[in-house]
Amino acid sequence: MQPVIEVIAIGGSAGALDALSMILPALPPGFPVPIVVVLHIPPGKPNYLPEVLGSMCALRVKEAEDKEPLERGIVYTAPPDYHLLVEKQRVLSLSVDEPVLFSRPAIEVLFESAADAFGNRLAGVLLAGGSEDGARGLAQIKRAGGLALVQAPSTAAVRTMPQAALDLGVVDHALPPEALGTFLAKLGEQPTSLSESGHGTVQNSDRR
């Protein structure tokens, strides 16, 4: 039986905001899991993500702060030009280490740190994007026993990211954004019954 999921980590780039606009509204008020989001944001520009995402869902959305404790039902977004990490003490941290795959924030950094911190109590979600950032991190989540989810490439405006993870053979579920929202909502409703939902199989024809 899959352990209770305590953190959801989501990454994406080009086209991911459209996917999030269908995923986050599916999560009800009082959703009992913190969500940490890394989207590729150009440095030197204002970060409107908290306002944009907050306007489309019932959860509180905020920009992550260094050493901020994780709280249930909050969506945390990475600030521009900072890597966002999750630590074992259930706190977030920010880093100005070198870009990974030309990106800071990088999805790899979030996924790998969260996998180290939460192991099989983590769900990782890789959305649309034009690089392979996040694929290896999703593989690390899978190796740690966590859930590895991707947006079905056929529904992605730019399919490189989710397809790279599928090509590594590490994905539990490849789903359209609406179905990803429903799946994540069920993590909060019935976190101990995931073994009944087909965990361990890619559930569409997008696997190559």
N, C-alpha and C. Protein backbone atom coordinates (compact mmCIF):
# COMPACT_ATOMS: atom_id res chain seq x y z
N MET A 1 0.85 -1.20 0.00
CA MET A 1 0.00 0.00 0.00
C MET A 1 0.88 1.25 0.00
N GLN A 2 0.54 2.19 -0.87
CA GLN A 2 1.29 3.43 -0.96
C GLN A 2 1.14 4.24 0.32
N PRO A 3 2.28 4.69 0.91
CA PRO A 3 2.19 5.53 2.11
C PRO A 3 1.45 6.84 1.84
N VAL A 4 1.04 7.50 2.89
CA VAL A 4 0.38 8.80 2.78
C VAL A 4 1.33 9.79 2.10
N ILE A 5 0.83 10.49 1.11
CA ILE A 5 1.62 11.52 0.43
C ILE A 5 1.61 12.78 1.28
N GLU A 6 2.79 13.28 1.61
CA GLU A 6 2.92 14.45 2.48
C GLU A 6 3.29 15.72 1.73
N VAL A 7 3.84 15.58 0.52
CA VAL A 7 4.22 16.74 -0.28
C VAL A 7 3.98 16.41 -1.74
N ILE A 8 3.53 17.41 -2.50
CA ILE A 8 3.42 17.30 -3.95
C ILE A 8 4.36 18.33 -4.57
N ALA A 9 5.25 17.88 -5.45
CA ALA A 9 6.17 18.77 -6.15
C ALA A 9 5.79 18.79 -7.62
N ILE A 10 5.63 19.98 -8.18
CA ILE A 10 5.19 20.14 -9.57
C ILE A 10 6.21 20.99 -10.31
N GLY A 11 6.57 20.56 -11.53
CA GLY A 11 7.48 21.34 -12.35
C GLY A 11 7.00 21.43 -13.78
N GLY A 12 7.37 22.52 -14.43
CA GLY A 12 7.00 22.69 -15.83
C GLY A 12 7.62 23.94 -16.41
N SER A 13 7.38 24.13 -17.70
CA SER A 13 7.91 25.31 -18.39
C SER A 13 6.87 25.76 -19.41
N ALA A 14 7.24 25.86 -20.66
CA ALA A 14 6.32 26.36 -21.67
C ALA A 14 5.06 25.50 -21.74
N GLY A 15 3.92 26.11 -21.55
CA GLY A 15 2.65 25.41 -21.58
C GLY A 15 2.17 24.89 -20.25
N ALA A 16 3.03 24.94 -19.23
CA ALA A 16 2.67 24.38 -17.92
C ALA A 16 1.63 25.22 -17.21
N LEU A 17 1.63 26.52 -17.43
CA LEU A 17 0.64 27.36 -16.77
C LEU A 17 -0.77 26.99 -17.21
N ASP A 18 -0.93 26.65 -18.47
CA ASP A 18 -2.24 26.20 -18.95
C ASP A 18 -2.66 24.92 -18.24
N ALA A 19 -1.71 24.01 -18.04
CA ALA A 19 -2.02 22.76 -17.34
C ALA A 19 -2.40 23.04 -15.89
N LEU A 20 -1.64 23.91 -15.23
CA LEU A 20 -1.96 24.25 -13.84
C LEU A 20 -3.33 24.89 -13.70
N SER A 21 -3.76 25.60 -14.74
CA SER A 21 -5.08 26.25 -14.68
C SER A 21 -6.21 25.22 -14.68
N MET A 22 -5.88 23.98 -15.02
CA MET A 22 -6.88 22.90 -14.96
C MET A 22 -6.65 21.99 -13.75
N ILE A 23 -5.42 21.92 -13.26
CA ILE A 23 -5.10 21.05 -12.14
C ILE A 23 -5.50 21.68 -10.81
N LEU A 24 -5.07 22.91 -10.57
CA LEU A 24 -5.28 23.51 -9.24
C LEU A 24 -6.75 23.72 -8.89
N PRO A 25 -7.62 24.09 -9.84
CA PRO A 25 -9.03 24.25 -9.47
C PRO A 25 -9.69 22.97 -8.97
N ALA A 26 -9.09 21.82 -9.26
CA ALA A 26 -9.67 20.55 -8.81
C ALA A 26 -9.38 20.27 -7.34
N LEU A 27 -8.50 21.05 -6.73
CA LEU A 27 -8.12 20.82 -5.34
C LEU A 27 -9.02 21.62 -4.42
N PRO A 28 -9.67 20.97 -3.46
CA PRO A 28 -10.69 21.65 -2.65
C PRO A 28 -10.07 22.51 -1.55
N PRO A 29 -10.85 23.44 -1.01
CA PRO A 29 -10.39 24.17 0.18
C PRO A 29 -10.06 23.18 1.30
N GLY A 30 -9.00 23.47 2.03
CA GLY A 30 -8.60 22.55 3.08
C GLY A 30 -7.81 21.36 2.60
N PHE A 31 -7.38 21.38 1.35
CA PHE A 31 -6.55 20.28 0.82
C PHE A 31 -5.36 20.07 1.75
N PRO A 32 -5.15 18.83 2.23
CA PRO A 32 -4.24 18.65 3.36
C PRO A 32 -2.77 18.41 3.01
N VAL A 33 -2.36 18.75 1.79
CA VAL A 33 -0.98 18.49 1.37
C VAL A 33 -0.36 19.78 0.83
N PRO A 34 0.85 20.15 1.26
CA PRO A 34 1.53 21.30 0.65
C PRO A 34 1.97 20.97 -0.77
N ILE A 35 1.95 21.98 -1.62
CA ILE A 35 2.33 21.83 -3.03
C ILE A 35 3.45 22.81 -3.32
N VAL A 36 4.53 22.32 -3.90
CA VAL A 36 5.69 23.16 -4.21
C VAL A 36 5.86 23.16 -5.73
N VAL A 37 5.88 24.36 -6.31
CA VAL A 37 5.85 24.50 -7.77
C VAL A 37 7.10 25.23 -8.26
N VAL A 38 7.75 24.65 -9.26
CA VAL A 38 8.82 25.33 -9.99
C VAL A 38 8.42 25.44 -11.46
N LEU A 39 8.25 26.66 -11.92
CA LEU A 39 8.11 26.94 -13.34
C LEU A 39 9.30 27.77 -13.77
N HIS A 40 9.74 27.60 -15.00
CA HIS A 40 10.86 28.38 -15.50
C HIS A 40 10.43 29.84 -15.64
N ILE A 41 11.02 30.69 -14.83
CA ILE A 41 10.66 32.11 -14.80
C ILE A 41 11.89 32.92 -15.21
N PRO A 42 11.78 33.83 -16.17
CA PRO A 42 12.94 34.64 -16.55
C PRO A 42 13.41 35.50 -15.38
N PRO A 43 14.72 35.58 -15.14
CA PRO A 43 15.22 36.43 -14.05
C PRO A 43 15.01 37.90 -14.38
N GLY A 44 14.92 38.68 -13.31
CA GLY A 44 14.84 40.12 -13.49
C GLY A 44 13.46 40.64 -13.82
N LYS A 45 12.45 39.77 -13.75
CA LYS A 45 11.08 40.22 -14.01
C LYS A 45 10.23 39.95 -12.78
N PRO A 46 9.19 40.76 -12.55
CA PRO A 46 8.31 40.51 -11.40
C PRO A 46 7.68 39.13 -11.48
N ASN A 47 7.46 38.53 -10.32
CA ASN A 47 6.86 37.20 -10.26
C ASN A 47 5.37 37.34 -9.99
N TYR A 48 4.58 37.16 -11.03
CA TYR A 48 3.13 37.26 -10.90
C TYR A 48 2.47 35.90 -10.67
N LEU A 49 3.28 34.85 -10.58
CA LEU A 49 2.70 33.52 -10.44
C LEU A 49 1.77 33.38 -9.24
N PRO A 50 2.16 33.86 -8.04
CA PRO A 50 1.24 33.70 -6.91
C PRO A 50 -0.13 34.31 -7.17
N GLU A 51 -0.15 35.49 -7.78
CA GLU A 51 -1.44 36.13 -8.06
C GLU A 51 -2.21 35.37 -9.13
N VAL A 52 -1.50 34.96 -10.18
CA VAL A 52 -2.17 34.26 -11.29
C VAL A 52 -2.72 32.92 -10.81
N LEU A 53 -1.89 32.13 -10.12
CA LEU A 53 -2.35 30.83 -9.66
C LEU A 53 -3.40 30.96 -8.56
N GLY A 54 -3.22 31.95 -7.70
CA GLY A 54 -4.18 32.14 -6.61
C GLY A 54 -5.55 32.51 -7.10
N SER A 55 -5.62 33.16 -8.26
CA SER A 55 -6.92 33.58 -8.80
C SER A 55 -7.70 32.40 -9.39
N MET A 56 -7.02 31.27 -9.58
CA MET A 56 -7.69 30.16 -10.25
C MET A 56 -7.98 28.98 -9.33
N CYS A 57 -7.69 29.11 -8.04
CA CYS A 57 -7.90 27.96 -7.16
C CYS A 57 -8.34 28.41 -5.77
N ALA A 58 -8.76 27.43 -4.97
CA ALA A 58 -9.26 27.72 -3.63
C ALA A 58 -8.17 27.73 -2.58
N LEU A 59 -6.94 27.43 -2.97
CA LEU A 59 -5.84 27.34 -2.02
C LEU A 59 -5.07 28.65 -1.96
N ARG A 60 -4.38 28.86 -0.87
CA ARG A 60 -3.48 30.00 -0.76
C ARG A 60 -2.23 29.74 -1.58
N VAL A 61 -1.81 30.72 -2.38
CA VAL A 61 -0.61 30.59 -3.19
C VAL A 61 0.34 31.72 -2.81
N LYS A 62 1.61 31.39 -2.57
CA LYS A 62 2.58 32.40 -2.18
C LYS A 62 3.96 32.06 -2.73
N GLU A 63 4.78 33.08 -2.84
CA GLU A 63 6.18 32.87 -3.21
C GLU A 63 6.93 32.30 -2.02
N ALA A 64 7.72 31.27 -2.26
CA ALA A 64 8.46 30.61 -1.18
C ALA A 64 9.53 31.54 -0.60
N GLU A 65 9.74 31.39 0.69
CA GLU A 65 10.79 32.14 1.39
C GLU A 65 11.80 31.15 1.98
N ASP A 66 13.02 31.61 2.11
CA ASP A 66 14.08 30.76 2.65
C ASP A 66 13.78 30.36 4.09
N LYS A 67 13.92 29.07 4.38
CA LYS A 67 13.70 28.47 5.70
C LYS A 67 12.24 28.56 6.16
N GLU A 68 11.33 28.65 5.21
CA GLU A 68 9.90 28.71 5.53
C GLU A 68 9.37 27.30 5.77
N PRO A 69 8.68 27.06 6.88
CA PRO A 69 8.11 25.73 7.12
C PRO A 69 6.99 25.42 6.12
N LEU A 70 6.93 24.17 5.71
CA LEU A 70 5.83 23.72 4.86
C LEU A 70 4.55 23.64 5.67
N GLU A 71 3.47 24.13 5.10
CA GLU A 71 2.16 24.05 5.74
C GLU A 71 1.16 23.42 4.78
N ARG A 72 0.24 22.67 5.34
CA ARG A 72 -0.76 22.00 4.52
C ARG A 72 -1.63 23.01 3.77
N GLY A 73 -1.98 22.62 2.56
CA GLY A 73 -2.94 23.41 1.80
C GLY A 73 -2.42 24.70 1.23
N ILE A 74 -1.10 24.88 1.20
CA ILE A 74 -0.51 26.07 0.60
C ILE A 74 0.27 25.66 -0.63
N VAL A 75 0.17 26.48 -1.69
CA VAL A 75 0.95 26.29 -2.90
C VAL A 75 2.11 27.28 -2.86
N TYR A 76 3.33 26.75 -2.89
CA TYR A 76 4.54 27.58 -2.85
C TYR A 76 5.16 27.63 -4.24
N THR A 77 5.51 28.82 -4.71
CA THR A 77 6.16 28.96 -6.02
C THR A 77 7.58 29.46 -5.84
N ALA A 78 8.46 29.03 -6.73
CA ALA A 78 9.86 29.45 -6.68
C ALA A 78 9.99 30.90 -7.12
N PRO A 79 10.81 31.69 -6.41
CA PRO A 79 11.08 33.06 -6.88
C PRO A 79 11.95 33.03 -8.13
N PRO A 80 11.87 34.05 -8.96
CA PRO A 80 12.75 34.11 -10.13
C PRO A 80 14.22 34.08 -9.72
N ASP A 81 15.02 33.33 -10.46
CA ASP A 81 16.47 33.27 -10.32
C ASP A 81 16.95 32.60 -9.03
N TYR A 82 16.08 31.83 -8.39
CA TYR A 82 16.48 31.05 -7.21
C TYR A 82 16.03 29.60 -7.40
N HIS A 83 16.94 28.66 -7.10
CA HIS A 83 16.50 27.28 -6.97
C HIS A 83 15.67 27.14 -5.70
N LEU A 84 14.66 26.28 -5.74
CA LEU A 84 13.80 26.01 -4.59
C LEU A 84 13.97 24.55 -4.18
N LEU A 85 14.33 24.34 -2.92
CA LEU A 85 14.58 23.00 -2.40
C LEU A 85 13.66 22.71 -1.22
N VAL A 86 13.41 21.42 -0.99
CA VAL A 86 12.66 20.95 0.17
C VAL A 86 13.63 20.19 1.07
N GLU A 87 13.67 20.54 2.36
CA GLU A 87 14.59 19.91 3.29
C GLU A 87 13.87 18.93 4.20
N LYS A 88 14.65 18.03 4.80
CA LYS A 88 14.08 16.98 5.64
C LYS A 88 13.36 17.53 6.86
N GLN A 89 13.72 18.72 7.28
CA GLN A 89 13.07 19.33 8.44
C GLN A 89 11.72 19.95 8.08
N ARG A 90 11.20 19.62 6.89
CA ARG A 90 9.91 20.14 6.41
C ARG A 90 9.95 21.65 6.24
N VAL A 91 11.09 22.14 5.77
CA VAL A 91 11.21 23.56 5.45
C VAL A 91 11.68 23.70 4.02
N LEU A 92 11.43 24.86 3.46
CA LEU A 92 11.90 25.20 2.12
C LEU A 92 13.20 25.98 2.22
N SER A 93 14.02 25.88 1.20
CA SER A 93 15.23 26.69 1.17
C SER A 93 15.44 27.18 -0.26
N LEU A 94 16.11 28.32 -0.36
CA LEU A 94 16.41 28.94 -1.64
C LEU A 94 17.92 28.89 -1.88
N SER A 95 18.32 28.77 -3.13
CA SER A 95 19.73 28.65 -3.48
C SER A 95 20.02 29.45 -4.74
N VAL A 96 21.22 30.02 -4.79
CA VAL A 96 21.69 30.69 -6.00
C VAL A 96 22.82 29.89 -6.64
N ASP A 97 22.83 28.58 -6.42
CA ASP A 97 23.79 27.73 -7.11
C ASP A 97 23.61 27.86 -8.62
N GLU A 98 24.58 27.34 -9.35
CA GLU A 98 24.57 27.48 -10.81
C GLU A 98 23.28 26.93 -11.43
N PRO A 99 22.84 27.51 -12.54
CA PRO A 99 21.67 26.96 -13.24
C PRO A 99 21.87 25.50 -13.62
N VAL A 100 20.80 24.77 -13.66
CA VAL A 100 20.80 23.37 -14.09
C VAL A 100 20.02 23.30 -15.40
N LEU A 101 20.65 22.75 -16.44
CA LEU A 101 20.03 22.72 -17.77
C LEU A 101 19.56 24.12 -18.16
N PHE A 102 20.42 25.08 -17.85
CA PHE A 102 20.22 26.49 -18.21
C PHE A 102 19.09 27.15 -17.44
N SER A 103 18.62 26.54 -16.38
CA SER A 103 17.47 27.08 -15.65
C SER A 103 17.78 27.28 -14.17
N ARG A 104 17.36 28.41 -13.66
CA ARG A 104 17.32 28.67 -12.22
C ARG A 104 16.12 29.57 -11.97
N PRO A 105 15.05 29.03 -11.40
CA PRO A 105 14.94 27.73 -10.71
C PRO A 105 14.92 26.55 -11.68
N ALA A 106 15.44 25.42 -11.21
CA ALA A 106 15.43 24.19 -11.99
C ALA A 106 14.52 23.16 -11.33
N ILE A 107 13.78 22.45 -12.14
CA ILE A 107 12.89 21.41 -11.63
C ILE A 107 13.69 20.27 -11.02
N GLU A 108 14.84 19.94 -11.65
CA GLU A 108 15.68 18.86 -11.12
C GLU A 108 16.02 19.10 -9.66
N VAL A 109 16.36 20.32 -9.32
CA VAL A 109 16.78 20.65 -7.95
C VAL A 109 15.63 20.42 -6.98
N LEU A 110 14.44 20.87 -7.35
CA LEU A 110 13.27 20.65 -6.49
C LEU A 110 12.99 19.16 -6.34
N PHE A 111 12.90 18.43 -7.45
CA PHE A 111 12.54 17.02 -7.38
C PHE A 111 13.56 16.20 -6.60
N GLU A 112 14.84 16.44 -6.85
CA GLU A 112 15.87 15.64 -6.18
C GLU A 112 15.90 15.92 -4.69
N SER A 113 15.78 17.19 -4.30
CA SER A 113 15.80 17.51 -2.87
C SER A 113 14.56 16.96 -2.18
N ALA A 114 13.41 17.05 -2.84
CA ALA A 114 12.18 16.54 -2.24
C ALA A 114 12.21 15.02 -2.12
N ALA A 115 12.80 14.34 -3.12
CA ALA A 115 12.93 12.89 -3.04
C ALA A 115 13.81 12.48 -1.87
N ASP A 116 14.91 13.21 -1.68
CA ASP A 116 15.79 12.92 -0.55
C ASP A 116 15.09 13.16 0.78
N ALA A 117 14.26 14.18 0.83
CA ALA A 117 13.62 14.56 2.09
C ALA A 117 12.42 13.69 2.43
N PHE A 118 11.63 13.29 1.41
CA PHE A 118 10.34 12.65 1.69
C PHE A 118 10.21 11.24 1.14
N GLY A 119 11.10 10.81 0.26
CA GLY A 119 11.07 9.43 -0.21
C GLY A 119 9.72 9.02 -0.75
N ASN A 120 9.15 7.93 -0.19
CA ASN A 120 7.90 7.40 -0.72
C ASN A 120 6.66 8.17 -0.26
N ARG A 121 6.87 9.29 0.42
CA ARG A 121 5.75 10.14 0.84
C ARG A 121 5.61 11.37 -0.07
N LEU A 122 6.22 11.28 -1.25
CA LEU A 122 6.25 12.39 -2.19
C LEU A 122 5.58 12.00 -3.50
N ALA A 123 4.84 12.95 -4.08
CA ALA A 123 4.34 12.81 -5.46
C ALA A 123 4.97 13.90 -6.29
N GLY A 124 5.59 13.52 -7.41
CA GLY A 124 6.16 14.48 -8.33
C GLY A 124 5.36 14.52 -9.62
N VAL A 125 5.15 15.74 -10.14
CA VAL A 125 4.35 15.93 -11.35
C VAL A 125 5.15 16.78 -12.33
N LEU A 126 5.38 16.25 -13.53
CA LEU A 126 6.12 16.97 -14.56
C LEU A 126 5.15 17.34 -15.68
N LEU A 127 5.06 18.64 -15.94
CA LEU A 127 4.11 19.16 -16.92
C LEU A 127 4.82 19.53 -18.22
N ALA A 128 4.12 20.25 -19.08
CA ALA A 128 4.64 20.64 -20.38
C ALA A 128 5.91 21.48 -20.23
N GLY A 129 6.77 21.40 -21.24
CA GLY A 129 7.98 22.20 -21.25
C GLY A 129 8.90 21.80 -22.37
N GLY A 130 9.82 22.71 -22.72
CA GLY A 130 10.65 22.52 -23.90
C GLY A 130 12.04 22.02 -23.64
N SER A 131 12.36 21.59 -22.41
CA SER A 131 13.66 21.01 -22.13
C SER A 131 13.45 19.68 -21.42
N GLU A 132 14.54 19.02 -21.03
CA GLU A 132 14.44 17.77 -20.30
C GLU A 132 14.59 17.99 -18.79
N ASP A 133 14.55 19.24 -18.34
CA ASP A 133 14.63 19.54 -16.91
C ASP A 133 13.48 18.83 -16.18
N GLY A 134 13.82 18.09 -15.15
CA GLY A 134 12.81 17.41 -14.35
C GLY A 134 12.72 15.92 -14.59
N ALA A 135 13.16 15.44 -15.75
CA ALA A 135 13.02 14.01 -16.06
C ALA A 135 13.88 13.17 -15.12
N ARG A 136 15.14 13.55 -14.94
CA ARG A 136 16.01 12.78 -14.04
C ARG A 136 15.56 12.91 -12.59
N GLY A 137 15.05 14.10 -12.23
CA GLY A 137 14.53 14.27 -10.88
C GLY A 137 13.32 13.40 -10.63
N LEU A 138 12.46 13.26 -11.65
CA LEU A 138 11.31 12.38 -11.50
C LEU A 138 11.76 10.93 -11.35
N ALA A 139 12.84 10.57 -12.05
CA ALA A 139 13.39 9.23 -11.88
C ALA A 139 13.88 9.01 -10.46
N GLN A 140 14.46 10.05 -9.86
CA GLN A 140 14.91 9.92 -8.48
C GLN A 140 13.72 9.77 -7.52
N ILE A 141 12.64 10.49 -7.79
CA ILE A 141 11.42 10.32 -6.99
C ILE A 141 10.94 8.89 -7.08
N LYS A 142 10.94 8.33 -8.28
CA LYS A 142 10.50 6.95 -8.46
C LYS A 142 11.41 5.98 -7.71
N ARG A 143 12.73 6.20 -7.79
CA ARG A 143 13.66 5.31 -7.09
C ARG A 143 13.48 5.38 -5.58
N ALA A 144 13.07 6.55 -5.09
CA ALA A 144 12.85 6.72 -3.65
C ALA A 144 11.52 6.14 -3.19
N GLY A 145 10.72 5.62 -4.13
CA GLY A 145 9.44 5.03 -3.78
C GLY A 145 8.26 5.95 -3.90
N GLY A 146 8.48 7.18 -4.39
CA GLY A 146 7.38 8.12 -4.53
C GLY A 146 6.58 7.89 -5.80
N LEU A 147 5.54 8.70 -5.97
CA LEU A 147 4.70 8.65 -7.16
C LEU A 147 5.27 9.56 -8.24
N ALA A 148 5.38 9.06 -9.45
CA ALA A 148 5.91 9.82 -10.58
C ALA A 148 4.80 10.01 -11.61
N LEU A 149 4.38 11.25 -11.79
CA LEU A 149 3.26 11.59 -12.67
C LEU A 149 3.73 12.56 -13.73
N VAL A 150 3.16 12.46 -14.93
CA VAL A 150 3.42 13.45 -15.97
C VAL A 150 2.13 13.82 -16.67
N GLN A 151 2.14 15.01 -17.26
CA GLN A 151 1.07 15.39 -18.18
C GLN A 151 1.19 14.53 -19.43
N ALA A 152 0.11 13.97 -19.89
CA ALA A 152 0.14 13.19 -21.12
C ALA A 152 0.69 14.06 -22.25
N PRO A 153 1.79 13.63 -22.90
CA PRO A 153 2.40 14.48 -23.93
C PRO A 153 1.44 14.93 -25.01
N SER A 154 0.46 14.11 -25.36
CA SER A 154 -0.48 14.49 -26.41
C SER A 154 -1.33 15.69 -26.02
N THR A 155 -1.38 16.04 -24.73
CA THR A 155 -2.15 17.19 -24.27
C THR A 155 -1.27 18.39 -23.97
N ALA A 156 0.05 18.26 -24.15
CA ALA A 156 0.98 19.32 -23.79
C ALA A 156 1.27 20.21 -24.98
N ALA A 157 1.27 21.53 -24.74
CA ALA A 157 1.62 22.46 -25.80
C ALA A 157 3.04 22.22 -26.28
N VAL A 158 3.93 21.90 -25.32
CA VAL A 158 5.31 21.53 -25.63
C VAL A 158 5.58 20.24 -24.87
N ARG A 159 5.83 19.16 -25.56
CA ARG A 159 5.80 17.84 -24.93
C ARG A 159 7.16 17.29 -24.50
N THR A 160 8.24 18.05 -24.70
CA THR A 160 9.59 17.52 -24.45
C THR A 160 9.76 17.02 -23.03
N MET A 161 9.32 17.80 -22.03
CA MET A 161 9.53 17.43 -20.63
C MET A 161 8.85 16.11 -20.25
N PRO A 162 7.53 16.02 -20.40
CA PRO A 162 6.90 14.76 -20.00
C PRO A 162 7.38 13.57 -20.84
N GLN A 163 7.66 13.81 -22.12
CA GLN A 163 8.12 12.71 -22.96
C GLN A 163 9.49 12.20 -22.51
N ALA A 164 10.36 13.11 -22.05
CA ALA A 164 11.68 12.70 -21.57
C ALA A 164 11.55 11.76 -20.38
N ALA A 165 10.61 12.05 -19.48
CA ALA A 165 10.40 11.17 -18.33
C ALA A 165 9.83 9.83 -18.76
N LEU A 166 8.89 9.85 -19.70
CA LEU A 166 8.34 8.60 -20.21
C LEU A 166 9.43 7.75 -20.87
N ASP A 167 10.33 8.41 -21.58
CA ASP A 167 11.41 7.68 -22.26
C ASP A 167 12.35 7.01 -21.26
N LEU A 168 12.44 7.55 -20.03
CA LEU A 168 13.26 6.93 -18.99
C LEU A 168 12.56 5.75 -18.34
N GLY A 169 11.27 5.58 -18.60
CA GLY A 169 10.53 4.46 -18.04
C GLY A 169 10.26 4.58 -16.55
N VAL A 170 10.07 5.80 -16.06
CA VAL A 170 9.94 6.00 -14.61
C VAL A 170 8.54 6.48 -14.20
N VAL A 171 7.60 6.53 -15.14
CA VAL A 171 6.33 7.20 -14.89
C VAL A 171 5.27 6.20 -14.43
N ASP A 172 4.58 6.55 -13.34
CA ASP A 172 3.45 5.76 -12.86
C ASP A 172 2.18 6.06 -13.64
N HIS A 173 1.92 7.35 -13.87
CA HIS A 173 0.69 7.75 -14.56
C HIS A 173 1.00 8.90 -15.51
N ALA A 174 0.53 8.81 -16.75
CA ALA A 174 0.58 9.91 -17.71
C ALA A 174 -0.86 10.29 -18.03
N LEU A 175 -1.28 11.47 -17.60
CA LEU A 175 -2.69 11.84 -17.62
C LEU A 175 -2.88 13.24 -18.17
N PRO A 176 -4.02 13.54 -18.76
CA PRO A 176 -4.35 14.91 -19.12
C PRO A 176 -4.46 15.78 -17.87
N PRO A 177 -4.32 17.10 -18.01
CA PRO A 177 -4.35 17.96 -16.83
C PRO A 177 -5.58 17.79 -15.96
N GLU A 178 -6.76 17.67 -16.57
CA GLU A 178 -7.97 17.54 -15.75
C GLU A 178 -7.91 16.26 -14.90
N ALA A 179 -7.41 15.19 -15.49
CA ALA A 179 -7.30 13.93 -14.75
C ALA A 179 -6.21 14.01 -13.69
N LEU A 180 -5.13 14.75 -13.97
CA LEU A 180 -4.11 14.96 -12.94
C LEU A 180 -4.70 15.68 -11.74
N GLY A 181 -5.54 16.70 -11.99
CA GLY A 181 -6.19 17.40 -10.88
C GLY A 181 -7.05 16.48 -10.05
N THR A 182 -7.83 15.63 -10.71
CA THR A 182 -8.67 14.67 -10.00
C THR A 182 -7.83 13.69 -9.19
N PHE A 183 -6.73 13.22 -9.79
CA PHE A 183 -5.86 12.27 -9.10
C PHE A 183 -5.24 12.91 -7.86
N LEU A 184 -4.74 14.13 -8.00
CA LEU A 184 -4.13 14.80 -6.84
C LEU A 184 -5.16 15.07 -5.75
N ALA A 185 -6.38 15.44 -6.16
CA ALA A 185 -7.42 15.66 -5.17
C ALA A 185 -7.67 14.39 -4.36
N LYS A 186 -7.62 13.24 -5.00
CA LYS A 186 -7.84 11.97 -4.30
C LYS A 186 -6.71 11.64 -3.34
N LEU A 187 -5.52 12.17 -3.60
CA LEU A 187 -4.43 11.97 -2.65
C LEU A 187 -4.78 12.57 -1.29
N GLY A 188 -5.51 13.66 -1.31
CA GLY A 188 -5.92 14.29 -0.06
C GLY A 188 -7.13 13.62 0.56
N GLU A 189 -8.00 13.05 -0.27
CA GLU A 189 -9.22 12.44 0.24
C GLU A 189 -8.99 11.06 0.81
N GLN A 190 -8.24 10.25 0.08
CA GLN A 190 -8.04 8.84 0.47
C GLN A 190 -6.58 8.46 0.30
N PRO A 191 -5.71 9.03 1.11
CA PRO A 191 -4.27 8.85 0.89
C PRO A 191 -3.78 7.44 1.12
N THR A 192 -4.55 6.58 1.76
CA THR A 192 -4.07 5.23 2.03
C THR A 192 -4.61 4.20 1.06
N SER A 193 -5.38 4.61 0.06
CA SER A 193 -6.01 3.62 -0.82
C SER A 193 -5.50 3.70 -2.24
N LEU A 194 -4.28 4.24 -2.45
CA LEU A 194 -3.77 4.40 -3.80
C LEU A 194 -3.51 3.07 -4.48
N SER A 195 -3.32 2.01 -3.70
CA SER A 195 -3.09 0.71 -4.32
C SER A 195 -4.28 0.26 -5.15
N GLU A 196 -5.44 0.88 -4.91
CA GLU A 196 -6.64 0.54 -5.67
C GLU A 196 -6.76 1.34 -6.96
N SER A 197 -5.85 2.30 -7.17
CA SER A 197 -6.00 3.21 -8.31
C SER A 197 -5.06 2.88 -9.45
N GLY A 198 -4.42 1.71 -9.41
CA GLY A 198 -3.56 1.34 -10.51
C GLY A 198 -2.16 1.86 -10.39
N HIS A 199 -1.70 2.19 -9.16
CA HIS A 199 -0.34 2.68 -8.96
C HIS A 199 0.66 1.70 -9.58
N GLY A 200 1.58 2.25 -10.40
CA GLY A 200 2.58 1.42 -11.02
C GLY A 200 2.36 1.19 -12.50
N THR A 201 1.32 1.81 -13.06
CA THR A 201 1.05 1.64 -14.48
C THR A 201 0.88 2.98 -15.15
N VAL A 202 1.36 3.09 -16.40
CA VAL A 202 1.09 4.27 -17.20
C VAL A 202 -0.28 4.09 -17.82
N GLN A 203 -1.19 5.03 -17.55
CA GLN A 203 -2.60 4.78 -17.84
C GLN A 203 -3.10 5.44 -19.13
N ASN A 204 -2.22 5.67 -20.09
CA ASN A 204 -2.74 6.10 -21.39
C ASN A 204 -1.78 5.65 -22.48
N SER A 205 -2.05 6.07 -23.68
CA SER A 205 -1.26 5.59 -24.82
C SER A 205 -0.10 6.50 -25.14
N ASP A 206 0.24 7.45 -24.25
CA ASP A 206 1.31 8.40 -24.57
C ASP A 206 2.69 7.83 -24.29
N ARG A 207 2.78 6.68 -23.67
CA ARG A 207 4.11 6.11 -23.45
C ARG A 207 4.68 5.66 -24.80
N ARG A 208 5.94 5.98 -25.02
CA ARG A 208 6.61 5.62 -26.28
C ARG A 208 7.65 4.53 -26.02
